[in-house]
Amino acid sequence: MQSNPKLLPTARAILRMLHFSRRTEGAYFGWIHRFVRHSGVLSADDLSEETVRSFLIHVADVRRVSPATQALPAVLLLFREVLRRPLGGVGPVPRARVPSRLPVVLTTAEVERVIAHLSGTARLVGRLRYGRGSVCSSV
């Protein structure tokens, strides 16, 4: 269901007028299109702060989209440039959680065991790479 048949073409034209790169234009247009579909309203006048808040919660919690997404800037551009009305306080919106990734780090003993299985140039490179402190003193 498309809420306003002129809303999306107008948004695309404004993105082009603002000289966004094609990739940014595509990303913003995609988010604006998702927002319009998600809102389900029949008139652009019915788009409100609560509609924006609902969409951003959906994006963060349900779709688990990265915090670096362009959803919020795209919706802000829609209100500011296309609808020509300021978007008031949307209030706090939960951000999608970034999964914490722990680096894989070998212990000193594990490094010593790996280097012990190397020979020739590979052993020399291993000793040079991990040769700080006591890691390679016995290897």
Protein backbone atom coordinates (compact mmCIF):
# COMPACT_ATOMS: atom_id res chain seq x y z
CA MET A 1 0.00 0.00 0.00
CA GLN A 2 1.44 3.35 -0.99
CA SER A 3 0.24 6.19 1.20
CA ASN A 4 0.68 9.13 -1.14
CA PRO A 5 1.38 8.49 -4.83
CA LYS A 6 3.45 11.69 -5.11
CA LEU A 7 5.43 11.29 -1.89
CA LEU A 8 8.04 8.78 -3.09
CA PRO A 9 8.69 10.39 -6.51
CA THR A 10 9.01 13.75 -4.76
CA ALA A 11 11.47 12.25 -2.29
CA ARG A 12 13.54 10.78 -5.15
CA ALA A 13 13.57 14.13 -6.99
CA ILE A 14 14.71 15.99 -3.87
CA LEU A 15 17.47 13.44 -3.23
CA ARG A 16 18.70 14.03 -6.78
CA MET A 17 18.41 17.80 -6.39
CA LEU A 18 20.55 17.62 -3.24
CA HIS A 19 23.23 15.80 -5.26
CA PHE A 20 23.44 12.72 -3.10
CA SER A 21 25.56 9.96 -4.56
CA ARG A 22 23.56 7.23 -6.30
CA ARG A 23 24.29 4.77 -3.50
CA THR A 24 23.25 7.21 -0.76
CA GLU A 25 20.19 8.17 -2.77
CA GLY A 26 19.26 4.51 -3.07
CA ALA A 27 19.78 3.86 0.63
CA TYR A 28 17.77 6.92 1.71
CA PHE A 29 14.99 6.17 -0.78
CA GLY A 30 14.84 2.59 0.47
CA TRP A 31 14.46 3.72 4.08
CA ILE A 32 11.85 6.33 3.14
CA HIS A 33 9.92 3.68 1.21
CA ARG A 34 10.09 1.26 4.17
CA PHE A 35 8.94 4.02 6.51
CA VAL A 36 5.95 4.90 4.31
CA ARG A 37 4.99 1.23 4.00
CA HIS A 38 5.44 0.64 7.73
CA SER A 39 3.33 3.66 8.68
CA GLY A 40 0.33 2.44 6.68
CA VAL A 41 -1.25 5.90 6.71
CA LEU A 42 -3.27 7.16 3.80
CA SER A 43 -2.13 10.77 3.91
CA ALA A 44 1.23 12.42 4.46
CA ASP A 45 -0.53 14.68 6.97
CA ASP A 46 -1.03 11.64 9.20
CA LEU A 47 2.72 11.00 9.52
CA SER A 48 3.70 12.02 13.03
CA GLU A 49 6.46 11.76 15.60
CA GLU A 50 4.78 8.65 17.01
CA THR A 51 4.82 7.05 13.55
CA VAL A 52 8.55 7.79 13.28
CA ARG A 53 9.18 6.45 16.77
CA SER A 54 7.25 3.26 16.01
CA PHE A 55 9.25 2.75 12.80
CA LEU A 56 12.62 3.33 14.47
CA ILE A 57 11.72 0.89 17.27
CA HIS A 58 10.75 -1.64 14.61
CA VAL A 59 14.05 -1.09 12.80
CA ALA A 60 16.13 -1.45 15.97
CA ASP A 61 14.30 -4.22 17.81
CA VAL A 62 12.52 -6.32 15.21
CA ARG A 63 14.79 -6.02 12.19
CA ARG A 64 17.96 -5.78 14.34
CA VAL A 65 19.50 -3.24 11.97
CA SER A 66 22.91 -1.80 12.77
CA PRO A 67 23.08 1.48 14.69
CA ALA A 68 24.97 2.97 11.75
CA THR A 69 21.89 2.66 9.55
CA GLN A 70 20.62 5.61 7.57
CA ALA A 71 17.00 5.09 8.65
CA LEU A 72 16.82 8.08 10.98
CA PRO A 73 18.61 10.56 8.67
CA ALA A 74 16.41 9.42 5.77
CA VAL A 75 13.20 9.95 7.75
CA LEU A 76 14.45 13.33 8.99
CA LEU A 77 15.15 14.33 5.39
CA LEU A 78 11.65 13.20 4.41
CA PHE A 79 10.07 15.48 7.00
CA ARG A 80 12.43 18.43 6.48
CA GLU A 81 12.74 18.49 2.68
CA VAL A 82 9.72 16.63 1.29
CA LEU A 83 6.94 17.29 3.78
CA ARG A 84 8.37 20.72 4.69
CA ARG A 85 7.54 20.39 8.35
CA PRO A 86 9.86 19.97 11.29
CA LEU A 87 9.96 16.69 13.08
CA GLY A 88 9.45 17.42 16.74
CA GLY A 89 10.84 15.41 19.58
CA VAL A 90 10.76 11.75 18.71
CA GLY A 91 12.11 11.00 22.16
CA PRO A 92 14.53 8.27 23.09
CA VAL A 93 14.61 5.45 20.58
CA PRO A 94 16.31 2.17 21.37
CA ARG A 95 19.34 1.43 19.27
CA ALA A 96 20.06 -1.99 17.86
CA ARG A 97 22.67 -3.71 19.94
CA VAL A 98 26.00 -4.30 18.32
CA PRO A 99 27.19 -7.80 19.12
CA SER A 100 30.41 -7.70 21.06
CA ARG A 101 33.18 -9.52 19.29
CA LEU A 102 36.05 -10.65 21.38
CA PRO A 103 39.38 -10.90 19.61
CA VAL A 104 40.94 -14.31 19.32
CA VAL A 105 44.15 -14.12 21.31
CA LEU A 106 46.56 -16.95 21.98
CA THR A 107 48.12 -17.39 25.38
CA THR A 108 51.89 -17.39 25.75
CA ALA A 109 51.91 -21.18 26.07
CA GLU A 110 49.78 -21.58 22.93
CA VAL A 111 52.11 -19.33 20.91
CA GLU A 112 55.12 -21.33 22.13
CA ARG A 113 53.44 -24.60 21.07
CA VAL A 114 52.62 -23.23 17.60
CA ILE A 115 56.16 -21.93 17.06
CA ALA A 116 57.60 -25.27 18.26
CA HIS A 117 55.82 -26.97 15.34
CA LEU A 118 57.30 -24.58 12.77
CA SER A 119 60.62 -24.91 11.02
CA GLY A 120 62.84 -22.91 8.70
CA THR A 121 61.61 -19.51 7.51
CA ALA A 122 58.17 -19.99 9.06
CA ARG A 123 59.77 -20.56 12.48
CA LEU A 124 61.95 -17.45 12.05
CA VAL A 125 58.92 -15.34 11.07
CA GLY A 126 56.94 -16.74 14.02
CA ARG A 127 59.75 -15.99 16.42
CA LEU A 128 60.18 -12.47 15.05
CA ARG A 129 56.44 -11.79 15.10
CA TYR A 130 55.82 -13.12 18.60
CA GLY A 131 59.31 -12.73 20.00
CA ARG A 132 58.59 -10.02 22.56
CA GLY A 133 59.14 -10.77 26.23
CA SER A 134 59.34 -14.37 27.31
CA VAL A 135 57.15 -15.80 24.57
CA CYS A 136 59.99 -17.09 22.42
CA SER A 137 62.87 -17.12 24.82
CA SER A 138 62.61 -20.88 25.29
CA VAL A 139 61.61 -21.70 21.72
